Amino acid sequence: MGLGLSIGAVAQAFGVAVSFAPGPVILAFGSAFLTGLIFGYLPAYNASRLQPAVALAST
């Protein structure tokens, strides 16, 4: 986010009209959050249902 704001500030210094909207920021955060939740929770949930000896033997 800092990089985007910095690039926007430089663009404004050169006379380019820049506007920031909260919608894309919220959408990006929500997408990253859901991706992390799904791809972090599902493997952990599946691993929690295995017996430790079986899980270690399958690697």
PDB file of N, CA and C in Angstrom:
ATOM      1  N   MET A   1       0.834  -1.186   0.000  1.00  0.00           N
ATOM      2  CA  MET A   1       0.000   0.000   0.000  1.00  0.00           C
ATOM      3  C   MET A   1       0.874   1.244   0.000  1.00  0.00           C
ATOM      4  N   GLY A   2       1.983   1.185   0.710  1.00  0.00           N
ATOM      5  CA  GLY A   2       2.889   2.325   0.755  1.00  0.00           C
ATOM      6  C   GLY A   2       3.474   2.630  -0.610  1.00  0.00           C
ATOM      7  N   LEU A   3       3.783   1.572  -1.375  1.00  0.00           N
ATOM      8  CA  LEU A   3       4.334   1.763  -2.709  1.00  0.00           C
ATOM      9  C   LEU A   3       3.314   2.440  -3.622  1.00  0.00           C
ATOM     10  N   GLY A   4       2.074   2.006  -3.531  1.00  0.00           N
ATOM     11  CA  GLY A   4       1.016   2.617  -4.352  1.00  0.00           C
ATOM     12  C   GLY A   4       0.800   4.083  -4.029  1.00  0.00           C
ATOM     13  N   LEU A   5       0.827   4.401  -2.740  1.00  0.00           N
ATOM     14  CA  LEU A   5       0.671   5.805  -2.339  1.00  0.00           C
ATOM     15  C   LEU A   5       1.867   6.636  -2.792  1.00  0.00           C
ATOM     16  N   SER A   6       3.058   6.060  -2.734  1.00  0.00           N
ATOM     17  CA  SER A   6       4.254   6.776  -3.176  1.00  0.00           C
ATOM     18  C   SER A   6       4.207   7.047  -4.677  1.00  0.00           C
ATOM     19  N   ILE A   7       3.810   6.044  -5.433  1.00  0.00           N
ATOM     20  CA  ILE A   7       3.699   6.232  -6.884  1.00  0.00           C
ATOM     21  C   ILE A   7       2.629   7.273  -7.203  1.00  0.00           C
ATOM     22  N   GLY A   8       1.539   7.238  -6.458  1.00  0.00           N
ATOM     23  CA  GLY A   8       0.494   8.244  -6.648  1.00  0.00           C
ATOM     24  C   GLY A   8       0.979   9.651  -6.340  1.00  0.00           C
ATOM     25  N   ALA A   9       1.781   9.791  -5.290  1.00  0.00           N
ATOM     26  CA  ALA A   9       2.319  11.106  -4.932  1.00  0.00           C
ATOM     27  C   ALA A   9       3.270  11.616  -6.014  1.00  0.00           C
ATOM     28  N   VAL A  10       4.099  10.724  -6.563  1.00  0.00           N
ATOM     29  CA  VAL A  10       5.009  11.121  -7.638  1.00  0.00           C
ATOM     30  C   VAL A  10       4.209  11.506  -8.878  1.00  0.00           C
ATOM     31  N   ALA A  11       3.171  10.736  -9.183  1.00  0.00           N
ATOM     32  CA  ALA A  11       2.345  11.057 -10.353  1.00  0.00           C
ATOM     33  C   ALA A  11       1.661  12.404 -10.181  1.00  0.00           C
ATOM     34  N   GLN A  12       1.189  12.696  -8.977  1.00  0.00           N
ATOM     35  CA  GLN A  12       0.565  13.992  -8.731  1.00  0.00           C
ATOM     36  C   GLN A  12       1.578  15.121  -8.861  1.00  0.00           C
ATOM     37  N   ALA A  13       2.814  14.876  -8.478  1.00  0.00           N
ATOM     38  CA  ALA A  13       3.857  15.893  -8.598  1.00  0.00           C
ATOM     39  C   ALA A  13       4.105  16.261 -10.057  1.00  0.00           C
ATOM     40  N   PHE A  14       3.865  15.312 -10.962  1.00  0.00           N
ATOM     41  CA  PHE A  14       4.027  15.579 -12.387  1.00  0.00           C
ATOM     42  C   PHE A  14       2.742  16.064 -13.048  1.00  0.00           C
ATOM     43  N   GLY A  15       1.710  16.330 -12.258  1.00  0.00           N
ATOM     44  CA  GLY A  15       0.487  16.897 -12.792  1.00  0.00           C
ATOM     45  C   GLY A  15      -0.563  15.895 -13.227  1.00  0.00           C
ATOM     46  N   VAL A  16      -0.401  14.632 -12.898  1.00  0.00           N
ATOM     47  CA  VAL A  16      -1.375  13.606 -13.253  1.00  0.00           C
ATOM     48  C   VAL A  16      -2.430  13.557 -12.150  1.00  0.00           C
ATOM     49  N   ALA A  17      -3.692  13.580 -12.540  1.00  0.00           N
ATOM     50  CA  ALA A  17      -4.781  13.515 -11.565  1.00  0.00           C
ATOM     51  C   ALA A  17      -4.875  12.098 -11.005  1.00  0.00           C
ATOM     52  N   VAL A  18      -4.775  11.980  -9.677  1.00  0.00           N
ATOM     53  CA  VAL A  18      -4.808  10.678  -9.016  1.00  0.00           C
ATOM     54  C   VAL A  18      -5.878  10.717  -7.941  1.00  0.00           C
ATOM     55  N   SER A  19      -6.692   9.657  -7.889  1.00  0.00           N
ATOM     56  CA  SER A  19      -7.677   9.551  -6.813  1.00  0.00           C
ATOM     57  C   SER A  19      -7.643   8.133  -6.269  1.00  0.00           C
ATOM     58  N   PHE A  20      -7.791   8.041  -4.959  1.00  0.00           N
ATOM     59  CA  PHE A  20      -7.776   6.749  -4.291  1.00  0.00           C
ATOM     60  C   PHE A  20      -9.170   6.467  -3.758  1.00  0.00           C
ATOM     61  N   ALA A  21      -9.652   5.244  -3.998  1.00  0.00           N
ATOM     62  CA  ALA A  21     -10.969   4.845  -3.526  1.00  0.00           C
ATOM     63  C   ALA A  21     -10.803   3.674  -2.556  1.00  0.00           C
ATOM     64  N   PRO A  22     -11.635   3.609  -1.521  1.00  0.00           N
ATOM     65  CA  PRO A  22     -11.491   2.520  -0.549  1.00  0.00           C
ATOM     66  C   PRO A  22     -11.993   1.172  -1.065  1.00  0.00           C
ATOM     67  N   GLY A  23     -12.832   1.159  -2.065  1.00  0.00           N
ATOM     68  CA  GLY A  23     -13.411  -0.086  -2.575  1.00  0.00           C
ATOM     69  C   GLY A  23     -12.392  -1.117  -3.026  1.00  0.00           C
ATOM     70  N   PRO A  24     -11.461  -0.754  -3.911  1.00  0.00           N
ATOM     71  CA  PRO A  24     -10.457  -1.727  -4.343  1.00  0.00           C
ATOM     72  C   PRO A  24      -9.562  -2.213  -3.201  1.00  0.00           C
ATOM     73  N   VAL A  25      -9.282  -1.350  -2.248  1.00  0.00           N
ATOM     74  CA  VAL A  25      -8.451  -1.756  -1.109  1.00  0.00           C
ATOM     75  C   VAL A  25      -9.185  -2.808  -0.286  1.00  0.00           C
ATOM     76  N   ILE A  26     -10.459  -2.582  -0.029  1.00  0.00           N
ATOM     77  CA  ILE A  26     -11.266  -3.531   0.742  1.00  0.00           C
ATOM     78  C   ILE A  26     -11.409  -4.847  -0.021  1.00  0.00           C
ATOM     79  N   LEU A  27     -11.623  -4.765  -1.323  1.00  0.00           N
ATOM     80  CA  LEU A  27     -11.747  -5.975  -2.146  1.00  0.00           C
ATOM     81  C   LEU A  27     -10.450  -6.786  -2.148  1.00  0.00           C
ATOM     82  N   ALA A  28      -9.316  -6.111  -2.274  1.00  0.00           N
ATOM     83  CA  ALA A  28      -8.028  -6.811  -2.272  1.00  0.00           C
ATOM     84  C   ALA A  28      -7.761  -7.458  -0.919  1.00  0.00           C
ATOM     85  N   PHE A  29      -8.038  -6.744   0.167  1.00  0.00           N
ATOM     86  CA  PHE A  29      -7.831  -7.303   1.499  1.00  0.00           C
ATOM     87  C   PHE A  29      -8.749  -8.496   1.731  1.00  0.00           C
ATOM     88  N   GLY A  30     -10.009  -8.370   1.336  1.00  0.00           N
ATOM     89  CA  GLY A  30     -10.963  -9.461   1.509  1.00  0.00           C
ATOM     90  C   GLY A  30     -10.575 -10.697   0.713  1.00  0.00           C
ATOM     91  N   SER A  31     -10.105 -10.489  -0.507  1.00  0.00           N
ATOM     92  CA  SER A  31      -9.674 -11.623  -1.335  1.00  0.00           C
ATOM     93  C   SER A  31      -8.465 -12.323  -0.730  1.00  0.00           C
ATOM     94  N   ALA A  32      -7.498 -11.547  -0.266  1.00  0.00           N
ATOM     95  CA  ALA A  32      -6.308 -12.135   0.346  1.00  0.00           C
ATOM     96  C   ALA A  32      -6.667 -12.861   1.635  1.00  0.00           C
ATOM     97  N   PHE A  33      -7.565 -12.296   2.408  1.00  0.00           N
ATOM     98  CA  PHE A  33      -7.992 -12.913   3.664  1.00  0.00           C
ATOM     99  C   PHE A  33      -8.684 -14.247   3.409  1.00  0.00           C
ATOM    100  N   LEU A  34      -9.617 -14.263   2.470  1.00  0.00           N
ATOM    101  CA  LEU A  34     -10.331 -15.503   2.163  1.00  0.00           C
ATOM    102  C   LEU A  34      -9.412 -16.569   1.577  1.00  0.00           C
ATOM    103  N   THR A  35      -8.477 -16.156   0.729  1.00  0.00           N
ATOM    104  CA  THR A  35      -7.524 -17.113   0.162  1.00  0.00           C
ATOM    105  C   THR A  35      -6.675 -17.736   1.270  1.00  0.00           C
ATOM    106  N   GLY A  36      -6.180 -16.921   2.172  1.00  0.00           N
ATOM    107  CA  GLY A  36      -5.389 -17.434   3.289  1.00  0.00           C
ATOM    108  C   GLY A  36      -6.196 -18.325   4.207  1.00  0.00           C
ATOM    109  N   LEU A  37      -7.439 -17.951   4.433  1.00  0.00           N
ATOM    110  CA  LEU A  37      -8.306 -18.743   5.302  1.00  0.00           C
ATOM    111  C   LEU A  37      -8.595 -20.108   4.685  1.00  0.00           C
ATOM    112  N   ILE A  38      -8.937 -20.135   3.425  1.00  0.00           N
ATOM    113  CA  ILE A  38      -9.283 -21.391   2.755  1.00  0.00           C
ATOM    114  C   ILE A  38      -8.062 -22.288   2.630  1.00  0.00           C
ATOM    115  N   PHE A  39      -6.960 -21.758   2.107  1.00  0.00           N
ATOM    116  CA  PHE A  39      -5.789 -22.592   1.852  1.00  0.00           C
ATOM    117  C   PHE A  39      -4.960 -22.830   3.108  1.00  0.00           C
ATOM    118  N   GLY A  40      -5.288 -22.211   4.211  1.00  0.00           N
ATOM    119  CA  GLY A  40      -4.650 -22.517   5.475  1.00  0.00           C
ATOM    120  C   GLY A  40      -5.492 -23.432   6.331  1.00  0.00           C
ATOM    121  N   TYR A  41      -6.805 -23.221   6.291  1.00  0.00           N
ATOM    122  CA  TYR A  41      -7.704 -23.992   7.149  1.00  0.00           C
ATOM    123  C   TYR A  41      -7.927 -25.409   6.628  1.00  0.00           C
ATOM    124  N   LEU A  42      -8.162 -25.550   5.355  1.00  0.00           N
ATOM    125  CA  LEU A  42      -8.491 -26.867   4.813  1.00  0.00           C
ATOM    126  C   LEU A  42      -7.378 -27.898   5.009  1.00  0.00           C
ATOM    127  N   PRO A  43      -6.122 -27.603   4.704  1.00  0.00           N
ATOM    128  CA  PRO A  43      -5.081 -28.606   4.969  1.00  0.00           C
ATOM    129  C   PRO A  43      -4.933 -28.908   6.464  1.00  0.00           C
ATOM    130  N   ALA A  44      -5.068 -27.900   7.292  1.00  0.00           N
ATOM    131  CA  ALA A  44      -4.952 -28.131   8.732  1.00  0.00           C
ATOM    132  C   ALA A  44      -6.117 -28.980   9.232  1.00  0.00           C
ATOM    133  N   TYR A  45      -7.295 -28.729   8.713  1.00  0.00           N
ATOM    134  CA  TYR A  45      -8.457 -29.525   9.109  1.00  0.00           C
ATOM    135  C   TYR A  45      -8.295 -30.976   8.673  1.00  0.00           C
ATOM    136  N   ASN A  46      -7.862 -31.180   7.448  1.00  0.00           N
ATOM    137  CA  ASN A  46      -7.658 -32.550   6.948  1.00  0.00           C
ATOM    138  C   ASN A  46      -6.559 -33.268   7.737  1.00  0.00           C
ATOM    139  N   ALA A  47      -5.498 -32.567   8.074  1.00  0.00           N
ATOM    140  CA  ALA A  47      -4.420 -33.176   8.842  1.00  0.00           C
ATOM    141  C   ALA A  47      -4.865 -33.500  10.258  1.00  0.00           C
ATOM    142  N   SER A  48      -5.763 -32.715  10.813  1.00  0.00           N
ATOM    143  CA  SER A  48      -6.207 -32.964  12.192  1.00  0.00           C
ATOM    144  C   SER A  48      -7.067 -34.220  12.287  1.00  0.00           C
ATOM    145  N   ARG A  49      -7.610 -34.676  11.182  1.00  0.00           N
ATOM    146  CA  ARG A  49      -8.445 -35.883  11.203  1.00  0.00           C
ATOM    147  C   ARG A  49      -7.630 -37.159  11.052  1.00  0.00           C
ATOM    148  N   LEU A  50      -6.326 -37.042  10.762  1.00  0.00           N
ATOM    149  CA  LEU A  50      -5.480 -38.214  10.586  1.00  0.00           C
ATOM    150  C   LEU A  50      -4.845 -38.623  11.918  1.00  0.00           C
ATOM    151  N   GLN A  51      -4.517 -39.894  12.008  1.00  0.00           N
ATOM    152  CA  GLN A  51      -3.732 -40.368  13.143  1.00  0.00           C
ATOM    153  C   GLN A  51      -2.288 -39.918  12.924  1.00  0.00           C
ATOM    154  N   PRO A  52      -1.579 -39.496  13.965  1.00  0.00           N
ATOM    155  CA  PRO A  52      -0.205 -38.984  13.788  1.00  0.00           C
ATOM    156  C   PRO A  52       0.709 -39.990  13.085  1.00  0.00           C
ATOM    157  N   ALA A  53       0.646 -41.230  13.431  1.00  0.00           N
ATOM    158  CA  ALA A  53       1.527 -42.229  12.806  1.00  0.00           C
ATOM    159  C   ALA A  53       1.233 -42.369  11.315  1.00  0.00           C
ATOM    160  N   VAL A  54      -0.028 -42.315  10.929  1.00  0.00           N
ATOM    161  CA  VAL A  54      -0.402 -42.419   9.519  1.00  0.00           C
ATOM    162  C   VAL A  54       0.057 -41.185   8.774  1.00  0.00           C
ATOM    163  N   ALA A  55      -0.111 -40.025   9.364  1.00  0.00           N
ATOM    164  CA  ALA A  55       0.285 -38.790   8.706  1.00  0.00           C
ATOM    165  C   ALA A  55       1.794 -38.740   8.487  1.00  0.00           C
ATOM    166  N   LEU A  56       2.573 -39.175   9.457  1.00  0.00           N
ATOM    167  CA  LEU A  56       4.017 -39.177   9.309  1.00  0.00           C
ATOM    168  C   LEU A  56       4.504 -40.239   8.339  1.00  0.00           C
ATOM    169  N   ALA A  57       3.824 -41.344   8.272  1.00  0.00           N
ATOM    170  CA  ALA A  57       4.234 -42.422   7.386  1.00  0.00           C
ATOM    171  C   ALA A  57       3.938 -42.102   5.915  1.00  0.00           C
ATOM    172  N   SER A  58       3.014 -41.199   5.653  1.00  0.00           N
ATOM    173  CA  SER A  58       2.630 -40.904   4.284  1.00  0.00           C
ATOM    174  C   SER A  58       3.513 -39.849   3.638  1.00  0.00           C
ATOM    175  N   THR A  59       4.484 -39.298   4.363  1.00  0.00           N
ATOM    176  CA  THR A  59       5.333 -38.251   3.785  1.00  0.00           C
ATOM    177  C   THR A  59       6.543 -38.784   3.092  1.00  0.00           C
TER     178      THR A  59
END
